[in-house]
C-alpha atoms as a PDB file:
ATOM      1  CA  MET A   1      40.567 -25.111 -34.179  1.00  0.00           C
ATOM      2  CA  GLY A   2      44.384 -23.312 -35.574  1.00  0.00           C
ATOM      3  CA  GLU A   3      46.830 -25.394 -37.459  1.00  0.00           C
ATOM      4  CA  ALA A   4      49.150 -27.336 -35.471  1.00  0.00           C
ATOM      5  CA  VAL A   5      52.587 -25.562 -36.271  1.00  0.00           C
ATOM      6  CA  GLU A   6      56.365 -25.584 -34.787  1.00  0.00           C
ATOM      7  CA  ASN A   7      56.902 -24.276 -31.081  1.00  0.00           C
ATOM      8  CA  VAL A   8      60.245 -23.394 -31.394  1.00  0.00           C
ATOM      9  CA  SER A   9      60.234 -22.820 -27.168  1.00  0.00           C
ATOM     10  CA  GLY A  10      59.031 -26.881 -26.298  1.00  0.00           C
ATOM     11  CA  THR A  11      58.984 -27.947 -23.624  1.00  0.00           C
ATOM     12  CA  ASN A  12      58.092 -32.202 -23.274  1.00  0.00           C
ATOM     13  CA  ALA A  13      56.045 -33.283 -20.856  1.00  0.00           C
ATOM     14  CA  HIS A  14      58.528 -34.015 -17.517  1.00  0.00           C
ATOM     15  CA  GLY A  15      59.557 -30.262 -17.823  1.00  0.00           C
ATOM     16  CA  ASP A  16      63.399 -31.392 -20.198  1.00  0.00           C
ATOM     17  CA  ARG A  17      64.447 -29.093 -22.846  1.00  0.00           C
ATOM     18  CA  HIS A  18      64.423 -31.560 -26.260  1.00  0.00           C
ATOM     19  CA  ARG A  19      66.405 -30.476 -29.172  1.00  0.00           C
ATOM     20  CA  ALA A  20      65.864 -31.339 -33.009  1.00  0.00           C
ATOM     21  CA  LYS A  21      68.994 -32.372 -34.968  1.00  0.00           C
ATOM     22  CA  ASP A  22      69.432 -28.917 -36.522  1.00  0.00           C
ATOM     23  CA  GLY A  23      70.322 -27.711 -32.433  1.00  0.00           C
ATOM     24  CA  VAL A  24      66.984 -25.566 -32.543  1.00  0.00           C
ATOM     25  CA  ASP A  25      63.895 -26.266 -29.990  1.00  0.00           C
ATOM     26  CA  ALA A  26      60.835 -28.226 -31.562  1.00  0.00           C
ATOM     27  CA  CYS A  27      57.673 -29.090 -30.403  1.00  0.00           C
ATOM     28  CA  LYS A  28      54.247 -29.009 -31.028  1.00  0.00           C
ATOM     29  CA  TRP A  29      51.124 -27.994 -28.902  1.00  0.00           C
ATOM     30  CA  TYR A  30      47.806 -28.563 -28.271  1.00  0.00           C
ATOM     31  CA  GLU A  31      46.342 -25.236 -26.186  1.00  0.00           C
ATOM     32  CA  GLU A  32      42.943 -25.143 -24.756  1.00  0.00           C
ATOM     33  CA  GLU A  33      41.701 -22.241 -22.972  1.00  0.00           C
ATOM     34  CA  ILE A  34      39.988 -22.510 -19.390  1.00  0.00           C
ATOM     35  CA  ASP A  35      39.888 -18.668 -18.770  1.00  0.00           C
ATOM     36  CA  ASP A  36      40.954 -15.523 -21.065  1.00  0.00           C
ATOM     37  CA  ASP A  37      44.194 -15.445 -19.261  1.00  0.00           C
ATOM     38  CA  LEU A  38      44.800 -18.898 -18.394  1.00  0.00           C
ATOM     39  CA  LYS A  39      45.789 -22.170 -20.846  1.00  0.00           C
ATOM     40  CA  TRP A  40      46.006 -25.690 -20.407  1.00  0.00           C
ATOM     41  CA  CYS A  41      49.285 -27.022 -22.569  1.00  0.00           C
ATOM     42  CA  PHE A  42      49.936 -30.236 -23.642  1.00  0.00           C
ATOM     43  CA  ALA A  43      53.113 -31.426 -25.755  1.00  0.00           C
ATOM     44  CA  LEU A  44      52.156 -33.364 -28.433  1.00  0.00           C
ATOM     45  CA  ASN A  45      54.054 -36.543 -30.076  1.00  0.00           C
ATOM     46  CA  SER A  46      51.410 -36.101 -32.909  1.00  0.00           C
ATOM     47  CA  VAL A  47      47.678 -35.087 -33.826  1.00  0.00           C
ATOM     48  CA  LEU A  48      46.093 -38.228 -35.479  1.00  0.00           C
ATOM     49  CA  HIS A  49      42.850 -36.611 -36.371  1.00  0.00           C
ATOM     50  CA  ARG A  50      41.054 -34.090 -36.601  1.00  0.00           C
ATOM     51  CA  GLY A  51      37.523 -33.078 -38.713  1.00  0.00           C
ATOM     52  CA  THR A  52      34.306 -31.330 -37.694  1.00  0.00           C
ATOM     53  CA  SER A  53      30.919 -33.318 -37.532  1.00  0.00           C
ATOM     54  CA  LYS A  54      27.250 -31.676 -38.112  1.00  0.00           C
ATOM     55  CA  PHE A  55      27.151 -30.893 -34.322  1.00  0.00           C
ATOM     56  CA  GLN A  56      30.796 -30.860 -33.250  1.00  0.00           C
ATOM     57  CA  ASP A  57      34.688 -30.349 -34.307  1.00  0.00           C
ATOM     58  CA  ILE A  58      36.399 -33.425 -33.164  1.00  0.00           C
ATOM     59  CA  ALA A  59      40.275 -34.264 -32.622  1.00  0.00           C
ATOM     60  CA  LEU A  60      42.550 -37.442 -31.696  1.00  0.00           C
ATOM     61  CA  ILE A  61      45.356 -36.171 -30.575  1.00  0.00           C
ATOM     62  CA  ASP A  62      48.499 -37.991 -29.145  1.00  0.00           C
ATOM     63  CA  THR A  63      50.384 -36.275 -26.308  1.00  0.00           C
ATOM     64  CA  LYS A  64      53.829 -36.817 -24.102  1.00  0.00           C
ATOM     65  CA  HIS A  65      52.492 -37.307 -20.892  1.00  0.00           C
ATOM     66  CA  PHE A  66      48.673 -38.746 -21.011  1.00  0.00           C
ATOM     67  CA  GLY A  67      49.023 -40.740 -24.320  1.00  0.00           C
ATOM     68  CA  LYS A  68      46.049 -40.572 -26.646  1.00  0.00           C
ATOM     69  CA  ALA A  69      43.147 -38.221 -26.009  1.00  0.00           C
ATOM     70  CA  LEU A  70      39.731 -36.759 -27.284  1.00  0.00           C
ATOM     71  CA  VAL A  71      38.955 -33.401 -28.454  1.00  0.00           C
ATOM     72  CA  ILE A  72      35.494 -31.971 -28.581  1.00  0.00           C
ATOM     73  CA  ASP A  73      34.602 -28.477 -29.085  1.00  0.00           C
ATOM     74  CA  GLY A  74      37.902 -27.241 -27.846  1.00  0.00           C
ATOM     75  CA  LYS A  75      37.513 -29.242 -24.687  1.00  0.00           C
ATOM     76  CA  MET A  76      39.262 -32.269 -23.212  1.00  0.00           C
ATOM     77  CA  GLN A  77      36.817 -35.445 -22.985  1.00  0.00           C
ATOM     78  CA  SER A  78      39.337 -38.295 -22.110  1.00  0.00           C
ATOM     79  CA  ALA A  79      42.789 -38.871 -22.583  1.00  0.00           C
ATOM     80  CA  GLU A  80      43.983 -43.108 -22.269  1.00  0.00           C
ATOM     81  CA  MET A  81      45.871 -42.676 -19.289  1.00  0.00           C
ATOM     82  CA  ASP A  82      44.000 -40.856 -16.678  1.00  0.00           C
ATOM     83  CA  GLU A  83      40.526 -41.538 -18.375  1.00  0.00           C
ATOM     84  CA  PHE A  84      38.878 -44.887 -16.122  1.00  0.00           C
ATOM     85  CA  ILE A  85      38.626 -42.224 -13.253  1.00  0.00           C
ATOM     86  CA  TYR A  86      36.355 -40.186 -14.816  1.00  0.00           C
ATOM     87  CA  HIS A  87      34.164 -43.203 -16.542  1.00  0.00           C
ATOM     88  CA  GLU A  88      34.397 -45.611 -13.295  1.00  0.00           C
ATOM     89  CA  CYS A  89      33.510 -42.582 -11.366  1.00  0.00           C
ATOM     90  CA  LEU A  90      30.442 -42.102 -13.931  1.00  0.00           C
ATOM     91  CA  ILE A  91      29.206 -45.470 -13.517  1.00  0.00           C
ATOM     92  CA  HIS A  92      30.204 -47.594 -11.151  1.00  0.00           C
ATOM     93  CA  PRO A  93      28.727 -45.187  -7.809  1.00  0.00           C
ATOM     94  CA  SER A  94      25.193 -45.202  -9.093  1.00  0.00           C
ATOM     95  CA  LEU A  95      25.018 -49.355 -10.482  1.00  0.00           C
ATOM     96  CA  LEU A  96      26.567 -50.683  -6.854  1.00  0.00           C
ATOM     97  CA  CYS A  97      24.233 -48.517  -4.592  1.00  0.00           C
ATOM     98  CA  HIS A  98      21.304 -49.495  -6.906  1.00  0.00           C
ATOM     99  CA  PRO A  99      20.350 -52.907  -5.376  1.00  0.00           C
ATOM    100  CA  ASN A 100      20.232 -55.452  -8.734  1.00  0.00           C
ATOM    101  CA  PRO A 101      20.390 -52.628 -11.756  1.00  0.00           C
ATOM    102  CA  LYS A 102      19.765 -54.873 -15.067  1.00  0.00           C
ATOM    103  CA  THR A 103      19.103 -52.206 -17.148  1.00  0.00           C
ATOM    104  CA  VAL A 104      20.366 -48.996 -18.514  1.00  0.00           C
ATOM    105  CA  PHE A 105      20.427 -46.081 -20.641  1.00  0.00           C
ATOM    106  CA  ILE A 106      23.385 -43.738 -21.790  1.00  0.00           C
ATOM    107  CA  MET A 107      23.231 -40.817 -23.030  1.00  0.00           C
ATOM    108  CA  GLY A 108      25.722 -39.332 -24.786  1.00  0.00           C
ATOM    109  CA  GLY A 109      28.787 -42.254 -24.702  1.00  0.00           C
ATOM    110  CA  GLY A 110      29.629 -41.859 -27.944  1.00  0.00           C
ATOM    111  CA  GLU A 111      33.506 -42.710 -27.173  1.00  0.00           C
ATOM    112  CA  GLY A 112      32.176 -45.974 -25.465  1.00  0.00           C
ATOM    113  CA  SER A 113      34.504 -46.125 -22.049  1.00  0.00           C
ATOM    114  CA  ALA A 114      30.923 -45.372 -20.597  1.00  0.00           C
ATOM    115  CA  ALA A 115      29.105 -48.463 -22.040  1.00  0.00           C
ATOM    116  CA  ARG A 116      32.213 -50.541 -21.241  1.00  0.00           C
ATOM    117  CA  GLU A 117      32.054 -50.114 -17.241  1.00  0.00           C
ATOM    118  CA  VAL A 118      28.525 -50.361 -17.067  1.00  0.00           C
ATOM    119  CA  LEU A 119      28.937 -53.983 -19.226  1.00  0.00           C
ATOM    120  CA  LYS A 120      31.312 -54.885 -16.010  1.00  0.00           C
ATOM    121  CA  HIS A 121      28.509 -55.761 -13.858  1.00  0.00           C
ATOM    122  CA  GLU A 122      27.190 -58.914 -14.428  1.00  0.00           C
ATOM    123  CA  THR A 123      23.610 -58.166 -13.368  1.00  0.00           C
ATOM    124  CA  ILE A 124      23.083 -55.756 -16.501  1.00  0.00           C
ATOM    125  CA  GLN A 125      20.981 -57.019 -19.325  1.00  0.00           C
ATOM    126  CA  ARG A 126      20.693 -54.771 -21.446  1.00  0.00           C
ATOM    127  CA  VAL A 127      22.586 -51.310 -22.502  1.00  0.00           C
ATOM    128  CA  VAL A 128      21.765 -48.428 -24.456  1.00  0.00           C
ATOM    129  CA  MET A 129      23.792 -45.784 -25.801  1.00  0.00           C
ATOM    130  CA  CYS A 130      22.285 -43.141 -27.429  1.00  0.00           C
ATOM    131  CA  ASP A 131      24.407 -40.261 -29.384  1.00  0.00           C
ATOM    132  CA  ILE A 132      23.440 -37.549 -31.412  1.00  0.00           C
ATOM    133  CA  ASP A 133      26.607 -37.304 -33.197  1.00  0.00           C
ATOM    134  CA  GLU A 134      26.612 -41.062 -35.297  1.00  0.00           C
ATOM    135  CA  GLU A 135      30.322 -39.101 -36.919  1.00  0.00           C
ATOM    136  CA  VAL A 136      31.760 -38.953 -32.964  1.00  0.00           C
ATOM    137  CA  VAL A 137      30.611 -42.562 -32.660  1.00  0.00           C
ATOM    138  CA  ASP A 138      32.162 -43.922 -35.835  1.00  0.00           C
ATOM    139  CA  PHE A 139      35.059 -41.746 -35.046  1.00  0.00           C
ATOM    140  CA  CYS A 140      35.832 -43.100 -31.603  1.00  0.00           C
ATOM    141  CA  ARG A 141      34.878 -46.994 -33.118  1.00  0.00           C
ATOM    142  CA  ARG A 142      37.990 -46.648 -35.695  1.00  0.00           C
ATOM    143  CA  TYR A 143      40.554 -44.617 -33.133  1.00  0.00           C
ATOM    144  CA  LEU A 144      39.475 -45.588 -29.653  1.00  0.00           C
ATOM    145  CA  THR A 145      40.335 -49.634 -29.770  1.00  0.00           C
ATOM    146  CA  VAL A 146      39.866 -49.613 -26.121  1.00  0.00           C
ATOM    147  CA  ASN A 147      36.597 -50.059 -26.137  1.00  0.00           C
ATOM    148  CA  CYS A 148      35.797 -52.543 -29.018  1.00  0.00           C
ATOM    149  CA  GLU A 149      34.971 -55.245 -27.330  1.00  0.00           C
ATOM    150  CA  ALA A 150      32.386 -53.041 -25.469  1.00  0.00           C
ATOM    151  CA  PHE A 151      30.617 -51.788 -29.496  1.00  0.00           C
ATOM    152  CA  ALA A 152      30.652 -55.591 -29.952  1.00  0.00           C
ATOM    153  CA  SER A 153      28.266 -56.596 -26.790  1.00  0.00           C
ATOM    154  CA  ASP A 154      24.859 -58.646 -27.891  1.00  0.00           C
ATOM    155  CA  LYS A 155      23.764 -57.083 -24.549  1.00  0.00           C
ATOM    156  CA  LEU A 156      24.760 -53.481 -26.340  1.00  0.00           C
ATOM    157  CA  CYS A 157      22.126 -51.530 -27.996  1.00  0.00           C
ATOM    158  CA  LEU A 158      23.181 -48.494 -30.071  1.00  0.00           C
ATOM    159  CA  VAL A 159      21.202 -45.408 -31.144  1.00  0.00           C
ATOM    160  CA  ILE A 160      22.082 -42.097 -32.799  1.00  0.00           C
ATOM    161  CA  ASN A 161      19.463 -39.943 -32.026  1.00  0.00           C
ATOM    162  CA  ASP A 162      18.699 -36.678 -29.662  1.00  0.00           C
ATOM    163  CA  ALA A 163      18.540 -38.494 -25.980  1.00  0.00           C
ATOM    164  CA  ARG A 164      15.318 -36.394 -25.423  1.00  0.00           C
ATOM    165  CA  ALA A 165      13.554 -37.947 -28.857  1.00  0.00           C
ATOM    166  CA  GLU A 166      14.659 -41.296 -27.892  1.00  0.00           C
ATOM    167  CA  LEU A 167      13.552 -40.990 -24.318  1.00  0.00           C
ATOM    168  CA  GLU A 168      10.445 -39.275 -24.866  1.00  0.00           C
ATOM    169  CA  LYS A 169       9.607 -41.906 -27.575  1.00  0.00           C
ATOM    170  CA  ARG A 170      10.053 -45.007 -25.400  1.00  0.00           C
ATOM    171  CA  GLU A 171       7.818 -46.700 -23.503  1.00  0.00           C
ATOM    172  CA  GLU A 172      10.744 -49.049 -21.528  1.00  0.00           C
ATOM    173  CA  LYS A 173      11.962 -47.784 -18.521  1.00  0.00           C
ATOM    174  CA  TYR A 174      15.374 -48.296 -17.093  1.00  0.00           C
ATOM    175  CA  ASP A 175      17.319 -49.013 -13.845  1.00  0.00           C
ATOM    176  CA  ILE A 176      19.939 -46.291 -14.805  1.00  0.00           C
ATOM    177  CA  ILE A 177      20.275 -43.336 -16.598  1.00  0.00           C
ATOM    178  CA  VAL A 178      23.888 -41.652 -17.065  1.00  0.00           C
ATOM    179  CA  GLY A 179      24.349 -38.725 -18.409  1.00  0.00           C
ATOM    180  CA  ASP A 180      27.684 -38.703 -19.995  1.00  0.00           C
ATOM    181  CA  LEU A 181      27.110 -35.960 -21.891  1.00  0.00           C
ATOM    182  CA  ALA A 182      29.469 -32.483 -23.752  1.00  0.00           C
ATOM    183  CA  ASP A 183      29.676 -29.720 -20.896  1.00  0.00           C
ATOM    184  CA  PRO A 184      26.547 -27.536 -20.834  1.00  0.00           C
ATOM    185  CA  VAL A 185      28.880 -25.060 -23.653  1.00  0.00           C
ATOM    186  CA  GLU A 186      27.163 -21.893 -25.528  1.00  0.00           C
ATOM    187  CA  GLY A 187      25.849 -23.151 -28.776  1.00  0.00           C
ATOM    188  CA  GLY A 188      27.045 -27.339 -27.838  1.00  0.00           C
ATOM    189  CA  PRO A 189      24.295 -29.507 -28.532  1.00  0.00           C
ATOM    190  CA  CYS A 190      23.316 -30.582 -25.040  1.00  0.00           C
ATOM    191  CA  TYR A 191      22.656 -28.132 -22.525  1.00  0.00           C
ATOM    192  CA  GLN A 192      18.947 -29.104 -22.914  1.00  0.00           C
ATOM    193  CA  LEU A 193      19.859 -31.926 -20.962  1.00  0.00           C
ATOM    194  CA  TYR A 194      20.607 -30.235 -17.884  1.00  0.00           C
ATOM    195  CA  THR A 195      17.700 -28.569 -17.292  1.00  0.00           C
ATOM    196  CA  LYS A 196      15.079 -28.966 -14.605  1.00  0.00           C
ATOM    197  CA  SER A 197      12.788 -29.322 -17.328  1.00  0.00           C
ATOM    198  CA  PHE A 198      14.071 -32.450 -19.238  1.00  0.00           C
ATOM    199  CA  TYR A 199      14.897 -33.896 -15.949  1.00  0.00           C
ATOM    200  CA  GLU A 200      11.181 -33.662 -14.550  1.00  0.00           C
ATOM    201  CA  GLN A 201       9.004 -33.821 -17.414  1.00  0.00           C
ATOM    202  CA  VAL A 202      11.038 -36.427 -19.356  1.00  0.00           C
ATOM    203  CA  LEU A 203      13.889 -38.582 -17.947  1.00  0.00           C
ATOM    204  CA  LYS A 204      12.383 -38.951 -14.997  1.00  0.00           C
ATOM    205  CA  PRO A 205       9.812 -40.362 -15.963  1.00  0.00           C
ATOM    206  CA  LYS A 206      12.254 -43.605 -17.900  1.00  0.00           C
ATOM    207  CA  LEU A 207      13.403 -44.244 -14.278  1.00  0.00           C
ATOM    208  CA  HIS A 208      11.701 -47.871 -12.345  1.00  0.00           C
ATOM    209  CA  HIS A 209      10.965 -48.097  -8.649  1.00  0.00           C
ATOM    210  CA  HIS A 210      14.106 -47.668  -7.509  1.00  0.00           C
ATOM    211  CA  GLY A 211      16.159 -46.240 -10.384  1.00  0.00           C
ATOM    212  CA  VAL A 212      18.588 -43.525 -10.363  1.00  0.00           C
ATOM    213  CA  PHE A 213      20.145 -41.233 -12.102  1.00  0.00           C
ATOM    214  CA  VAL A 214      23.383 -39.830 -12.698  1.00  0.00           C
ATOM    215  CA  THR A 215      25.279 -37.572 -14.628  1.00  0.00           C
ATOM    216  CA  GLN A 216      28.831 -35.574 -15.164  1.00  0.00           C
ATOM    217  CA  ALA A 217      28.436 -32.543 -13.930  1.00  0.00           C
ATOM    218  CA  GLY A 218      31.666 -30.184 -14.751  1.00  0.00           C
ATOM    219  CA  PRO A 219      34.539 -28.900 -12.505  1.00  0.00           C
ATOM    220  CA  ALA A 220      33.950 -28.703  -9.151  1.00  0.00           C
ATOM    221  CA  GLY A 221      36.884 -27.083  -7.949  1.00  0.00           C
ATOM    222  CA  VAL A 222      37.627 -24.254  -5.608  1.00  0.00           C
ATOM    223  CA  LEU A 223      37.923 -21.874  -7.875  1.00  0.00           C
ATOM    224  CA  THR A 224      35.440 -23.908 -10.879  1.00  0.00           C
ATOM    225  CA  HIS A 225      32.363 -25.502  -9.127  1.00  0.00           C
ATOM    226  CA  LYS A 226      30.073 -22.493  -9.613  1.00  0.00           C
ATOM    227  CA  GLU A 227      30.333 -22.441 -13.224  1.00  0.00           C
ATOM    228  CA  VAL A 228      27.690 -25.244 -13.725  1.00  0.00           C
ATOM    229  CA  PHE A 229      28.486 -28.153 -10.610  1.00  0.00           C
ATOM    230  CA  SER A 230      26.429 -26.442  -7.637  1.00  0.00           C
ATOM    231  CA  SER A 231      23.496 -25.011 -10.209  1.00  0.00           C
ATOM    232  CA  ILE A 232      23.048 -28.904 -11.790  1.00  0.00           C
ATOM    233  CA  TYR A 233      23.154 -30.487  -7.770  1.00  0.00           C
ATOM    234  CA  ASN A 234      20.722 -27.843  -7.029  1.00  0.00           C
ATOM    235  CA  THR A 235      18.388 -28.396  -9.975  1.00  0.00           C
ATOM    236  CA  LEU A 236      18.159 -32.077  -9.701  1.00  0.00           C
ATOM    237  CA  LYS A 237      17.573 -31.276  -5.595  1.00  0.00           C
ATOM    238  CA  HIS A 238      14.387 -29.817  -7.283  1.00  0.00           C
ATOM    239  CA  VAL A 239      12.990 -32.842  -8.967  1.00  0.00           C
ATOM    240  CA  PHE A 240      14.805 -35.957  -6.829  1.00  0.00           C
ATOM    241  CA  LYS A 241      13.782 -36.481  -3.119  1.00  0.00           C
ATOM    242  CA  HIS A 242      17.257 -37.797  -2.628  1.00  0.00           C
ATOM    243  CA  VAL A 243      20.761 -36.070  -4.512  1.00  0.00           C
ATOM    244  CA  LEU A 244      24.250 -37.030  -3.526  1.00  0.00           C
ATOM    245  CA  ALA A 245      27.309 -35.386  -5.071  1.00  0.00           C
ATOM    246  CA  TYR A 246      30.718 -36.748  -5.494  1.00  0.00           C
ATOM    247  CA  THR A 247      34.052 -35.528  -6.670  1.00  0.00           C
ATOM    248  CA  ALA A 248      37.623 -36.411  -7.997  1.00  0.00           C
ATOM    249  CA  HIS A 249      40.877 -35.644  -9.521  1.00  0.00           C
ATOM    250  CA  VAL A 250      41.207 -36.090 -12.922  1.00  0.00           C
ATOM    251  CA  PRO A 251      44.894 -35.261 -13.903  1.00  0.00           C
ATOM    252  CA  SER A 252      44.476 -34.284 -17.544  1.00  0.00           C
ATOM    253  CA  PHE A 253      41.265 -32.085 -17.102  1.00  0.00           C
ATOM    254  CA  ALA A 254      43.366 -29.816 -14.856  1.00  0.00           C
ATOM    255  CA  ASP A 255      40.711 -29.952 -11.922  1.00  0.00           C
ATOM    256  CA  THR A 256      38.791 -31.878  -9.771  1.00  0.00           C
ATOM    257  CA  TRP A 257      35.371 -32.779 -11.304  1.00  0.00           C
ATOM    258  CA  GLY A 258      32.122 -33.721 -10.756  1.00  0.00           C
ATOM    259  CA  TRP A 259      29.097 -35.983 -10.259  1.00  0.00           C
ATOM    260  CA  VAL A 260      25.484 -36.457  -8.909  1.00  0.00           C
ATOM    261  CA  MET A 261      23.889 -38.993  -8.434  1.00  0.00           C
ATOM    262  CA  ALA A 262      20.122 -38.492  -8.016  1.00  0.00           C
ATOM    263  CA  SER A 263      16.621 -41.181  -7.111  1.00  0.00           C
ATOM    264  CA  ASP A 264      13.540 -41.298  -5.132  1.00  0.00           C
ATOM    265  CA  GLN A 265      14.943 -43.413  -2.884  1.00  0.00           C
ATOM    266  CA  PRO A 266      17.267 -43.398  -0.394  1.00  0.00           C
ATOM    267  CA  ILE A 267      21.405 -43.547  -1.518  1.00  0.00           C
ATOM    268  CA  MET A 268      22.970 -46.109   0.894  1.00  0.00           C
ATOM    269  CA  LEU A 269      26.711 -45.932   0.973  1.00  0.00           C
ATOM    270  CA  ASP A 270      28.527 -48.121   2.903  1.00  0.00           C
ATOM    271  CA  ALA A 271      32.399 -49.022   1.829  1.00  0.00           C
ATOM    272  CA  GLN A 272      31.629 -52.554   3.866  1.00  0.00           C
ATOM    273  CA  GLN A 273      28.521 -52.881   1.486  1.00  0.00           C
ATOM    274  CA  ILE A 274      30.074 -51.430  -1.649  1.00  0.00           C
ATOM    275  CA  ASP A 275      33.421 -53.739  -1.902  1.00  0.00           C
ATOM    276  CA  GLU A 276      30.903 -56.769  -1.087  1.00  0.00           C
ATOM    277  CA  ARG A 277      29.005 -55.488  -4.207  1.00  0.00           C
ATOM    278  CA  ILE A 278      32.147 -54.805  -6.417  1.00  0.00           C
ATOM    279  CA  SER A 279      33.931 -58.441  -5.554  1.00  0.00           C
ATOM    280  CA  LYS A 280      30.082 -60.389  -6.334  1.00  0.00           C
ATOM    281  CA  ARG A 281      29.509 -58.195  -9.793  1.00  0.00           C
ATOM    282  CA  ILE A 282      31.886 -56.560 -11.209  1.00  0.00           C
ATOM    283  CA  ASN A 283      33.904 -59.404 -13.976  1.00  0.00           C
ATOM    284  CA  GLY A 284      37.965 -57.335 -13.779  1.00  0.00           C
ATOM    285  CA  GLU A 285      39.293 -54.990 -11.207  1.00  0.00           C
ATOM    286  CA  LEU A 286      38.183 -50.729 -10.800  1.00  0.00           C
ATOM    287  CA  LEU A 287      42.008 -49.039 -11.019  1.00  0.00           C
ATOM    288  CA  TYR A 288      41.005 -45.925  -8.705  1.00  0.00           C
ATOM    289  CA  LEU A 289      37.844 -46.860  -6.913  1.00  0.00           C
ATOM    290  CA  ASN A 290      36.464 -49.004  -3.850  1.00  0.00           C
ATOM    291  CA  GLY A 291      34.393 -48.554  -0.673  1.00  0.00           C
ATOM    292  CA  GLU A 292      36.140 -45.856   1.395  1.00  0.00           C
ATOM    293  CA  SER A 293      37.405 -43.645  -1.834  1.00  0.00           C
ATOM    294  CA  LEU A 294      33.886 -43.805  -3.360  1.00  0.00           C
ATOM    295  CA  VAL A 295      32.504 -42.904   0.249  1.00  0.00           C
ATOM    296  CA  SER A 296      35.472 -39.978   0.586  1.00  0.00           C
ATOM    297  CA  SER A 297      34.518 -39.086  -2.405  1.00  0.00           C
ATOM    298  CA  THR A 298      31.220 -37.267  -1.205  1.00  0.00           C
ATOM    299  CA  THR A 299      32.722 -35.536   1.574  1.00  0.00           C
ATOM    300  CA  MET A 300      33.301 -31.942  -0.319  1.00  0.00           C
ATOM    301  CA  ASN A 301      35.901 -28.912   1.213  1.00  0.00           C
ATOM    302  CA  LYS A 302      34.411 -26.628   3.134  1.00  0.00           C
ATOM    303  CA  SER A 303      33.882 -23.741   0.820  1.00  0.00           C
ATOM    304  CA  VAL A 304      31.982 -26.158  -2.418  1.00  0.00           C
ATOM    305  CA  TYR A 305      29.916 -28.186   0.405  1.00  0.00           C
ATOM    306  CA  THR A 306      28.780 -24.285   1.304  1.00  0.00           C
ATOM    307  CA  SER A 307      28.086 -23.347  -2.121  1.00  0.00           C
ATOM    308  CA  LEU A 308      25.794 -26.419  -2.453  1.00  0.00           C
ATOM    309  CA  LEU A 309      23.984 -25.713   0.516  1.00  0.00           C
ATOM    310  CA  LYS A 310      23.475 -21.954  -0.353  1.00  0.00           C
ATOM    311  CA  GLU A 311      23.248 -22.483  -4.505  1.00  0.00           C
ATOM    312  CA  THR A 312      19.554 -21.207  -5.352  1.00  0.00           C
ATOM    313  CA  HIS A 313      19.819 -21.575  -9.537  1.00  0.00           C
ATOM    314  CA  ILE A 314      17.670 -23.797 -11.033  1.00  0.00           C
ATOM    315  CA  TYR A 315      19.482 -24.856 -14.568  1.00  0.00           C
ATOM    316  CA  THR A 316      16.530 -23.489 -17.728  1.00  0.00           C
ATOM    317  CA  GLU A 317      17.054 -23.104 -20.777  1.00  0.00           C
ATOM    318  CA  GLU A 318      16.436 -19.628 -20.579  1.00  0.00           C
ATOM    319  CA  SER A 319      19.388 -19.481 -17.634  1.00  0.00           C
ATOM    320  CA  ALA A 320      21.648 -22.174 -18.494  1.00  0.00           C
ATOM    321  CA  ARG A 321      25.669 -21.852 -16.900  1.00  0.00           C
ATOM    322  CA  PHE A 322      27.742 -22.291 -19.418  1.00  0.00           C
ATOM    323  CA  ILE A 323      31.529 -23.879 -19.395  1.00  0.00           C
ATOM    324  CA  TYR A 324      34.043 -21.367 -20.455  1.00  0.00           C
ATOM    325  CA  GLY A 325      36.196 -21.980 -23.851  1.00  0.00           C
ATOM    326  CA  HIS A 326      34.265 -23.582 -26.798  1.00  0.00           C
ATOM    327  CA  GLY A 327      35.829 -24.044 -29.229  1.00  0.00           C
ATOM    328  CA  ARG A 328      38.510 -22.365 -27.845  1.00  0.00           C
ATOM    329  CA  ALA A 329      41.542 -24.555 -28.310  1.00  0.00           C
ATOM    330  CA  CYS A 330      44.515 -24.512 -31.272  1.00  0.00           C
ATOM    331  CA  PHE A 331      47.460 -26.632 -31.998  1.00  0.00           C
ATOM    332  CA  ALA A 332      50.604 -24.281 -31.639  1.00  0.00           C
END
């Protein structure tokens, strides 16, 4: 990542010009490369922290439009203003579709937001959160104070390990397994956890009979869904009997985002039943999801729907697909 420097032609998040005392425009910007000729830029109040772990580059930035934001390996992970969209969509659909979820295993999730959402469910007795990068976890515990209660919960078991190795050595099974992993990027630490062999040989045997697996599956927009979303969906179709994709727009990601649920038991979505379970099971109020929005999120536009039907690629270590932009962010 480049050093933060002054940009003398900046505008704020609402497009207004802002001038320093000497009359010269001044603003710091975070820039993320989406493609060779496309960038997504955020005006900054400040760069709160930057560091490098054994596995990843880490940054916490304070943006003018989206508040505090976590950036790993040059890719936006979550932003204060809209992270609830991503995390509610990642966590609640699988738990609400399960008849009585008690145990959850989270792969990744180092910032603690996924665990926070799981722990809102009264039926939950135990959550194992397994992240490979201790420095990311410590970083998030220190700077993302919104999740301090989740990290302090007696129901949470925090493990620092590779998720594959941890699942392989554990004898227990889980009602829900969550893939809250970084995007599969070339050279990244977790693209192997999107492969058919991992799903088939390691993950699926660790689910109970009514168990559900859910994973974030990358960009799912009209122009981006073929990067990894359609491939992850098709890969899971070759492992589980029932697979369901759903999407939501996440403003700070500058795209529609995708998730995929999979189980060997039918995944039943009924808006009224979902609302009833939200009322009975969840402490507090969800900000984004309700029964109708969850059901509607499974309806794809024609372009994406057709791609999911026609996708033939199966994700393997030898034929992996990657998200563009690993390490291609800078502060300017």
